[in-house]
Amino acid sequence: MNDADVSKQIQQMVRFIRQEAEEKGNEISVSAEEEFNIEKLQLVEAEKKKIRQEYERKEKQVEIRKKIEYSMQLNASRLTVLQAQDDLVSSMKEAAGKELLNVVHDHHGYRKLLKELIVQSLLRLKEPAVLLRCRKDDLGLVESVLDSAKLEYAEKANVHPPDILVDTIVYLPPAPSHHHAHGPFCSGGVVLASRDGKIVCENTLDARLDVVFRKKLPEIRKWLFGQFAA
């Protein structure tokens, strides 16, 4: 093989090596670009996911705040309605209390009522000796029905007539007035107690109103407010 052939062969080998190197370089470049694109896509997707998660988190926070605000407004509205209902019920009771003052103006009817209240109290106490308190203004009426009340109780309970001591030292407070608007008051009726004070039967008109009002309150609310009654 002469020098020309050797040179030619060497040039062919150089071209082959260069071609291999170029192809390898292209492969590496393509592979690197693919890996870069994949990594870039992964980074983009990761950032998108983070953004979505952050958006969802903030959206949930907004929803929670809305629910809390709605709940607070709803509770405030309910409290307002309840307060308005209570105010109306209280005004009805106050009006009923004022009507009690008219009871004592009917002299004959009030005298009969006092006797019934005394008999009822005696039946509850079932004591042979009791202490009776009334308003100072009612003392005369109470004394006028005392004997007949004793006899009626004795007949109903099948016992001897009881010994009733009317307290003329301590009286029940007077009827409410503008001068004593905030002090203790009594619209009428009586309070009976055992002599030792351990058993007390409060049978004033105000106490009877309280009992009836508490008992009838569900019906009153239903009648006034229907399905909105609390």
C-alpha atoms as a PDB file:
ATOM      1  CA  MET A   1       0.000   0.000   0.000  1.00  0.00           C
ATOM      2  CA  ASN A   2       1.505   3.244  -1.034  1.00  0.00           C
ATOM      3  CA  ASP A   3       1.426   6.533   0.784  1.00  0.00           C
ATOM      4  CA  ALA A   4      -1.605   7.812  -1.170  1.00  0.00           C
ATOM      5  CA  ASP A   5      -3.707   4.839  -0.156  1.00  0.00           C
ATOM      6  CA  VAL A   6      -2.633   5.200   3.450  1.00  0.00           C
ATOM      7  CA  SER A   7      -3.527   8.891   3.411  1.00  0.00           C
ATOM      8  CA  LYS A   8      -6.879   8.172   1.824  1.00  0.00           C
ATOM      9  CA  GLN A   9      -7.647   5.540   4.380  1.00  0.00           C
ATOM     10  CA  ILE A  10      -6.689   7.830   7.222  1.00  0.00           C
ATOM     11  CA  GLN A  11      -8.967  10.578   5.858  1.00  0.00           C
ATOM     12  CA  GLN A  12     -11.853   8.108   5.671  1.00  0.00           C
ATOM     13  CA  MET A  13     -11.280   7.100   9.273  1.00  0.00           C
ATOM     14  CA  VAL A  14     -11.169  10.757  10.337  1.00  0.00           C
ATOM     15  CA  ARG A  15     -14.435  11.444   8.514  1.00  0.00           C
ATOM     16  CA  PHE A  16     -16.016   8.404  10.153  1.00  0.00           C
ATOM     17  CA  ILE A  17     -14.860   9.489  13.604  1.00  0.00           C
ATOM     18  CA  ARG A  18     -16.147  13.015  12.981  1.00  0.00           C
ATOM     19  CA  GLN A  19     -19.467  11.683  11.773  1.00  0.00           C
ATOM     20  CA  GLU A  20     -19.757   9.443  14.826  1.00  0.00           C
ATOM     21  CA  ALA A  21     -18.875  12.339  17.057  1.00  0.00           C
ATOM     22  CA  GLU A  22     -21.446  14.601  15.373  1.00  0.00           C
ATOM     23  CA  GLU A  23     -24.147  11.938  15.617  1.00  0.00           C
ATOM     24  CA  LYS A  24     -23.276  11.305  19.251  1.00  0.00           C
ATOM     25  CA  GLY A  25     -23.283  15.019  19.899  1.00  0.00           C
ATOM     26  CA  ASN A  26     -26.680  15.364  18.250  1.00  0.00           C
ATOM     27  CA  GLU A  27     -28.027  12.494  20.333  1.00  0.00           C
ATOM     28  CA  ILE A  28     -26.718  14.089  23.483  1.00  0.00           C
ATOM     29  CA  SER A  29     -28.175  17.445  22.480  1.00  0.00           C
ATOM     30  CA  VAL A  30     -31.561  15.944  21.651  1.00  0.00           C
ATOM     31  CA  SER A  31     -31.571  13.917  24.851  1.00  0.00           C
ATOM     32  CA  ALA A  32     -30.590  16.947  26.906  1.00  0.00           C
ATOM     33  CA  GLU A  33     -33.313  19.008  25.278  1.00  0.00           C
ATOM     34  CA  GLU A  34     -35.894  16.284  25.952  1.00  0.00           C
ATOM     35  CA  GLU A  35     -34.825  16.033  29.572  1.00  0.00           C
ATOM     36  CA  PHE A  36     -34.946  19.831  29.837  1.00  0.00           C
ATOM     37  CA  ASN A  37     -38.451  19.935  28.357  1.00  0.00           C
ATOM     38  CA  ILE A  38     -39.621  17.146  30.661  1.00  0.00           C
ATOM     39  CA  GLU A  39     -38.138  18.855  33.706  1.00  0.00           C
ATOM     40  CA  LYS A  40     -39.606  22.192  32.595  1.00  0.00           C
ATOM     41  CA  LEU A  41     -43.008  20.570  32.154  1.00  0.00           C
ATOM     42  CA  GLN A  42     -42.766  18.976  35.595  1.00  0.00           C
ATOM     43  CA  LEU A  43     -41.855  22.320  37.130  1.00  0.00           C
ATOM     44  CA  VAL A  44     -44.734  24.025  35.339  1.00  0.00           C
ATOM     45  CA  GLU A  45     -47.187  21.329  36.492  1.00  0.00           C
ATOM     46  CA  ALA A  46     -45.851  21.547  40.042  1.00  0.00           C
ATOM     47  CA  GLU A  47     -46.347  25.321  40.054  1.00  0.00           C
ATOM     48  CA  LYS A  48     -49.836  24.906  38.585  1.00  0.00           C
ATOM     49  CA  LYS A  49     -50.647  22.410  41.330  1.00  0.00           C
ATOM     50  CA  LYS A  50     -49.354  24.796  43.997  1.00  0.00           C
ATOM     51  CA  ILE A  51     -51.428  27.617  42.528  1.00  0.00           C
ATOM     52  CA  ARG A  52     -54.546  25.408  42.407  1.00  0.00           C
ATOM     53  CA  GLN A  53     -53.997  24.274  46.006  1.00  0.00           C
ATOM     54  CA  GLU A  54     -53.486  27.857  47.151  1.00  0.00           C
ATOM     55  CA  TYR A  55     -56.607  28.946  45.307  1.00  0.00           C
ATOM     56  CA  GLU A  56     -58.630  26.090  46.826  1.00  0.00           C
ATOM     57  CA  ARG A  57     -57.295  26.937  50.290  1.00  0.00           C
ATOM     58  CA  LYS A  58     -58.268  30.584  49.946  1.00  0.00           C
ATOM     59  CA  GLU A  59     -61.624  29.628  48.450  1.00  0.00           C
ATOM     60  CA  LYS A  60     -62.321  27.418  51.472  1.00  0.00           C
ATOM     61  CA  GLN A  61     -61.326  30.237  53.797  1.00  0.00           C
ATOM     62  CA  VAL A  62     -63.740  32.565  52.032  1.00  0.00           C
ATOM     63  CA  GLU A  63     -66.525  29.971  52.278  1.00  0.00           C
ATOM     64  CA  ILE A  64     -65.814  29.451  55.983  1.00  0.00           C
ATOM     65  CA  ARG A  65     -65.883  33.207  56.618  1.00  0.00           C
ATOM     66  CA  LYS A  66     -69.172  33.465  54.712  1.00  0.00           C
ATOM     67  CA  LYS A  67     -70.691  30.655  56.787  1.00  0.00           C
ATOM     68  CA  ILE A  68     -69.482  32.251  60.020  1.00  0.00           C
ATOM     69  CA  GLU A  69     -70.859  35.655  59.028  1.00  0.00           C
ATOM     70  CA  TYR A  70     -74.167  34.094  57.965  1.00  0.00           C
ATOM     71  CA  SER A  71     -74.390  32.166  61.234  1.00  0.00           C
ATOM     72  CA  MET A  72     -73.666  35.318  63.246  1.00  0.00           C
ATOM     73  CA  GLN A  73     -76.273  37.295  61.330  1.00  0.00           C
ATOM     74  CA  LEU A  74     -78.795  34.469  61.724  1.00  0.00           C
ATOM     75  CA  ASN A  75     -78.159  34.265  65.478  1.00  0.00           C
ATOM     76  CA  ALA A  76     -78.433  38.038  65.794  1.00  0.00           C
ATOM     77  CA  SER A  77     -81.751  37.940  63.920  1.00  0.00           C
ATOM     78  CA  ARG A  78     -83.012  35.130  66.138  1.00  0.00           C
ATOM     79  CA  LEU A  79     -82.022  37.038  69.265  1.00  0.00           C
ATOM     80  CA  THR A  80     -83.813  40.111  67.948  1.00  0.00           C
ATOM     81  CA  VAL A  81     -86.945  38.071  67.262  1.00  0.00           C
ATOM     82  CA  LEU A  82     -86.757  36.368  70.680  1.00  0.00           C
ATOM     83  CA  GLN A  83     -86.305  39.728  72.400  1.00  0.00           C
ATOM     84  CA  ALA A  84     -89.289  41.157  70.528  1.00  0.00           C
ATOM     85  CA  GLN A  85     -91.377  38.106  71.508  1.00  0.00           C
ATOM     86  CA  ASP A  86     -90.314  38.400  75.157  1.00  0.00           C
ATOM     87  CA  ASP A  87     -91.113  42.115  75.147  1.00  0.00           C
ATOM     88  CA  LEU A  88     -94.594  41.435  73.764  1.00  0.00           C
ATOM     89  CA  VAL A  89     -95.242  38.644  76.285  1.00  0.00           C
ATOM     90  CA  SER A  90     -93.993  40.866  79.119  1.00  0.00           C
ATOM     91  CA  SER A  91     -96.261  43.694  77.990  1.00  0.00           C
ATOM     92  CA  MET A  92     -99.216  41.280  77.986  1.00  0.00           C
ATOM     93  CA  LYS A  93     -98.402  40.176  81.530  1.00  0.00           C
ATOM     94  CA  GLU A  94     -98.018  43.798  82.596  1.00  0.00           C
ATOM     95  CA  ALA A  95    -101.407  44.612  81.063  1.00  0.00           C
ATOM     96  CA  ALA A  96    -102.943  41.628  82.870  1.00  0.00           C
ATOM     97  CA  GLY A  97    -101.364  42.864  86.116  1.00  0.00           C
ATOM     98  CA  LYS A  98    -103.012  46.254  85.643  1.00  0.00           C
ATOM     99  CA  GLU A  99    -106.349  44.524  85.096  1.00  0.00           C
ATOM    100  CA  LEU A 100    -105.954  42.894  88.530  1.00  0.00           C
ATOM    101  CA  LEU A 101    -106.302  46.343  90.081  1.00  0.00           C
ATOM    102  CA  ASN A 102    -109.867  46.472  88.757  1.00  0.00           C
ATOM    103  CA  VAL A 103    -110.773  43.302  90.657  1.00  0.00           C
ATOM    104  CA  VAL A 104    -110.691  45.048  94.038  1.00  0.00           C
ATOM    105  CA  HIS A 105    -113.012  47.792  92.777  1.00  0.00           C
ATOM    106  CA  ASP A 106    -115.855  45.281  92.634  1.00  0.00           C
ATOM    107  CA  HIS A 107    -116.473  45.244  96.387  1.00  0.00           C
ATOM    108  CA  HIS A 108    -118.898  42.320  96.424  1.00  0.00           C
ATOM    109  CA  GLY A 109    -116.941  40.215  93.940  1.00  0.00           C
ATOM    110  CA  TYR A 110    -113.613  40.870  95.677  1.00  0.00           C
ATOM    111  CA  ARG A 111    -115.065  39.966  99.079  1.00  0.00           C
ATOM    112  CA  LYS A 112    -116.226  36.633  97.653  1.00  0.00           C
ATOM    113  CA  LEU A 113    -112.838  36.076  96.019  1.00  0.00           C
ATOM    114  CA  LEU A 114    -110.993  36.720  99.306  1.00  0.00           C
ATOM    115  CA  LYS A 115    -113.101  34.060 101.016  1.00  0.00           C
ATOM    116  CA  GLU A 116    -112.359  31.542  98.244  1.00  0.00           C
ATOM    117  CA  LEU A 117    -108.628  32.305  98.445  1.00  0.00           C
ATOM    118  CA  ILE A 118    -108.636  31.794 102.228  1.00  0.00           C
ATOM    119  CA  VAL A 119    -110.487  28.474 101.937  1.00  0.00           C
ATOM    120  CA  GLN A 120    -108.169  27.287  99.194  1.00  0.00           C
ATOM    121  CA  SER A 121    -105.104  28.229 101.246  1.00  0.00           C
ATOM    122  CA  LEU A 122    -106.449  26.385 104.309  1.00  0.00           C
ATOM    123  CA  LEU A 123    -107.049  23.272 102.194  1.00  0.00           C
ATOM    124  CA  ARG A 124    -103.453  23.410 101.009  1.00  0.00           C
ATOM    125  CA  LEU A 125    -101.947  23.973 104.434  1.00  0.00           C
ATOM    126  CA  LYS A 126    -104.209  21.586 106.410  1.00  0.00           C
ATOM    127  CA  GLU A 127    -102.995  23.172 109.647  1.00  0.00           C
ATOM    128  CA  PRO A 128    -105.097  23.596 112.832  1.00  0.00           C
ATOM    129  CA  ALA A 129    -103.624  27.059 113.475  1.00  0.00           C
ATOM    130  CA  VAL A 130    -102.428  29.507 110.844  1.00  0.00           C
ATOM    131  CA  LEU A 131    -101.228  33.082 110.425  1.00  0.00           C
ATOM    132  CA  LEU A 132    -102.950  35.240 107.786  1.00  0.00           C
ATOM    133  CA  ARG A 133    -101.533  38.358 106.168  1.00  0.00           C
ATOM    134  CA  CYS A 134    -103.368  40.734 103.877  1.00  0.00           C
ATOM    135  CA  ARG A 135    -103.110  44.314 102.695  1.00  0.00           C
ATOM    136  CA  LYS A 136    -104.079  46.938 105.255  1.00  0.00           C
ATOM    137  CA  ASP A 137    -106.815  48.142 102.899  1.00  0.00           C
ATOM    138  CA  ASP A 138    -108.290  44.611 102.807  1.00  0.00           C
ATOM    139  CA  LEU A 139    -108.328  44.007 106.578  1.00  0.00           C
ATOM    140  CA  GLY A 140    -112.010  44.813 106.986  1.00  0.00           C
ATOM    141  CA  LEU A 141    -113.072  42.555 104.090  1.00  0.00           C
ATOM    142  CA  VAL A 142    -110.889  39.685 105.322  1.00  0.00           C
ATOM    143  CA  GLU A 143    -112.306  39.876 108.851  1.00  0.00           C
ATOM    144  CA  SER A 144    -115.843  39.951 107.447  1.00  0.00           C
ATOM    145  CA  VAL A 145    -115.417  36.599 105.637  1.00  0.00           C
ATOM    146  CA  LEU A 146    -113.109  34.861 108.116  1.00  0.00           C
ATOM    147  CA  ASP A 147    -115.745  32.942 110.076  1.00  0.00           C
ATOM    148  CA  SER A 148    -117.588  31.706 106.997  1.00  0.00           C
ATOM    149  CA  ALA A 149    -114.247  30.699 105.409  1.00  0.00           C
ATOM    150  CA  LYS A 150    -113.340  28.670 108.526  1.00  0.00           C
ATOM    151  CA  LEU A 151    -116.679  26.849 108.460  1.00  0.00           C
ATOM    152  CA  GLU A 152    -116.468  26.108 104.734  1.00  0.00           C
ATOM    153  CA  TYR A 153    -112.948  24.719 105.132  1.00  0.00           C
ATOM    154  CA  ALA A 154    -113.958  22.607 108.156  1.00  0.00           C
ATOM    155  CA  GLU A 155    -116.882  21.151 106.191  1.00  0.00           C
ATOM    156  CA  LYS A 156    -114.770  20.367 103.120  1.00  0.00           C
ATOM    157  CA  ALA A 157    -111.825  18.916 105.061  1.00  0.00           C
ATOM    158  CA  ASN A 158    -114.026  17.249 107.703  1.00  0.00           C
ATOM    159  CA  VAL A 159    -112.037  18.836 110.538  1.00  0.00           C
ATOM    160  CA  HIS A 160    -112.607  21.369 113.321  1.00  0.00           C
ATOM    161  CA  PRO A 161    -112.518  25.011 112.256  1.00  0.00           C
ATOM    162  CA  PRO A 162    -108.926  26.240 112.376  1.00  0.00           C
ATOM    163  CA  ASP A 163    -107.542  29.010 114.549  1.00  0.00           C
ATOM    164  CA  ILE A 164    -106.664  31.902 112.217  1.00  0.00           C
ATOM    165  CA  LEU A 165    -104.546  34.747 113.550  1.00  0.00           C
ATOM    166  CA  VAL A 166    -104.709  37.843 111.352  1.00  0.00           C
ATOM    167  CA  ASP A 167    -101.411  39.709 111.413  1.00  0.00           C
ATOM    168  CA  THR A 168    -102.200  43.359 112.165  1.00  0.00           C
ATOM    169  CA  ILE A 169     -98.553  44.335 112.583  1.00  0.00           C
ATOM    170  CA  VAL A 170     -97.027  43.255 109.275  1.00  0.00           C
ATOM    171  CA  TYR A 171     -99.231  43.786 106.236  1.00  0.00           C
ATOM    172  CA  LEU A 172     -98.766  42.874 102.607  1.00  0.00           C
ATOM    173  CA  PRO A 173     -97.546  45.827 100.531  1.00  0.00           C
ATOM    174  CA  PRO A 174    -100.137  48.113  98.934  1.00  0.00           C
ATOM    175  CA  ALA A 175    -101.194  48.119  95.303  1.00  0.00           C
ATOM    176  CA  PRO A 176     -98.659  49.433  92.743  1.00  0.00           C
ATOM    177  CA  SER A 177     -98.742  53.175  92.150  1.00  0.00           C
ATOM    178  CA  HIS A 178     -96.763  55.885  90.407  1.00  0.00           C
ATOM    179  CA  HIS A 179     -95.254  56.901  93.742  1.00  0.00           C
ATOM    180  CA  HIS A 180     -93.940  53.389  94.457  1.00  0.00           C
ATOM    181  CA  ALA A 181     -93.356  52.098  90.919  1.00  0.00           C
ATOM    182  CA  HIS A 182     -90.202  50.163  91.789  1.00  0.00           C
ATOM    183  CA  GLY A 183     -91.000  49.033  95.322  1.00  0.00           C
ATOM    184  CA  PRO A 184     -92.771  45.859  96.498  1.00  0.00           C
ATOM    185  CA  PHE A 185     -96.495  45.775  95.781  1.00  0.00           C
ATOM    186  CA  CYS A 186     -99.523  43.522  96.105  1.00  0.00           C
ATOM    187  CA  SER A 187    -102.654  43.809  93.964  1.00  0.00           C
ATOM    188  CA  GLY A 188    -104.749  41.891  96.498  1.00  0.00           C
ATOM    189  CA  GLY A 189    -105.313  38.445  97.975  1.00  0.00           C
ATOM    190  CA  VAL A 190    -103.842  36.780 101.064  1.00  0.00           C
ATOM    191  CA  VAL A 191    -100.830  34.873 102.346  1.00  0.00           C
ATOM    192  CA  LEU A 192    -101.367  32.094 104.889  1.00  0.00           C
ATOM    193  CA  ALA A 193     -98.654  30.260 106.816  1.00  0.00           C
ATOM    194  CA  SER A 194     -98.321  27.689 109.573  1.00  0.00           C
ATOM    195  CA  ARG A 195     -97.622  29.250 112.965  1.00  0.00           C
ATOM    196  CA  ASP A 196     -93.981  28.095 112.831  1.00  0.00           C
ATOM    197  CA  GLY A 197     -93.593  29.689 109.391  1.00  0.00           C
ATOM    198  CA  LYS A 198     -92.307  26.499 107.775  1.00  0.00           C
ATOM    199  CA  ILE A 199     -95.253  26.156 105.390  1.00  0.00           C
ATOM    200  CA  VAL A 200     -96.408  29.178 103.398  1.00  0.00           C
ATOM    201  CA  CYS A 201     -99.225  29.469 100.894  1.00  0.00           C
ATOM    202  CA  GLU A 202     -98.971  32.648  98.837  1.00  0.00           C
ATOM    203  CA  ASN A 203    -102.402  33.253  97.383  1.00  0.00           C
ATOM    204  CA  THR A 204    -102.126  36.864  96.282  1.00  0.00           C
ATOM    205  CA  LEU A 205    -103.571  37.967  92.974  1.00  0.00           C
ATOM    206  CA  ASP A 206    -100.051  38.619  91.675  1.00  0.00           C
ATOM    207  CA  ALA A 207     -98.877  35.121  92.673  1.00  0.00           C
ATOM    208  CA  ARG A 208    -101.923  33.573  90.997  1.00  0.00           C
ATOM    209  CA  LEU A 209    -101.205  35.561  87.836  1.00  0.00           C
ATOM    210  CA  ASP A 210     -97.594  34.338  87.843  1.00  0.00           C
ATOM    211  CA  VAL A 211     -98.710  30.714  88.202  1.00  0.00           C
ATOM    212  CA  VAL A 212    -101.325  30.959  85.456  1.00  0.00           C
ATOM    213  CA  PHE A 213     -98.970  32.852  83.162  1.00  0.00           C
ATOM    214  CA  ARG A 214     -96.187  30.273  83.540  1.00  0.00           C
ATOM    215  CA  LYS A 215     -98.646  27.452  82.968  1.00  0.00           C
ATOM    216  CA  LYS A 216    -100.230  29.067  79.913  1.00  0.00           C
ATOM    217  CA  LEU A 217     -97.029  30.570  78.478  1.00  0.00           C
ATOM    218  CA  PRO A 218     -96.544  27.868  75.761  1.00  0.00           C
ATOM    219  CA  GLU A 219    -100.157  28.372  74.641  1.00  0.00           C
ATOM    220  CA  ILE A 220     -99.770  32.154  74.723  1.00  0.00           C
ATOM    221  CA  ARG A 221     -96.608  31.998  72.612  1.00  0.00           C
ATOM    222  CA  LYS A 222     -98.232  29.622  70.143  1.00  0.00           C
ATOM    223  CA  TRP A 223    -101.290  31.851  69.892  1.00  0.00           C
ATOM    224  CA  LEU A 224     -99.177  34.994  69.403  1.00  0.00           C
ATOM    225  CA  PHE A 225     -96.361  33.700  67.210  1.00  0.00           C
ATOM    226  CA  GLY A 226     -97.561  30.402  65.727  1.00  0.00           C
ATOM    227  CA  GLN A 227     -94.704  28.365  64.228  1.00  0.00           C
ATOM    228  CA  PHE A 228     -92.259  31.124  65.196  1.00  0.00           C
ATOM    229  CA  ALA A 229     -92.941  30.633  68.923  1.00  0.00           C
ATOM    230  CA  ALA A 230     -89.736  30.036  70.892  1.00  0.00           C
END
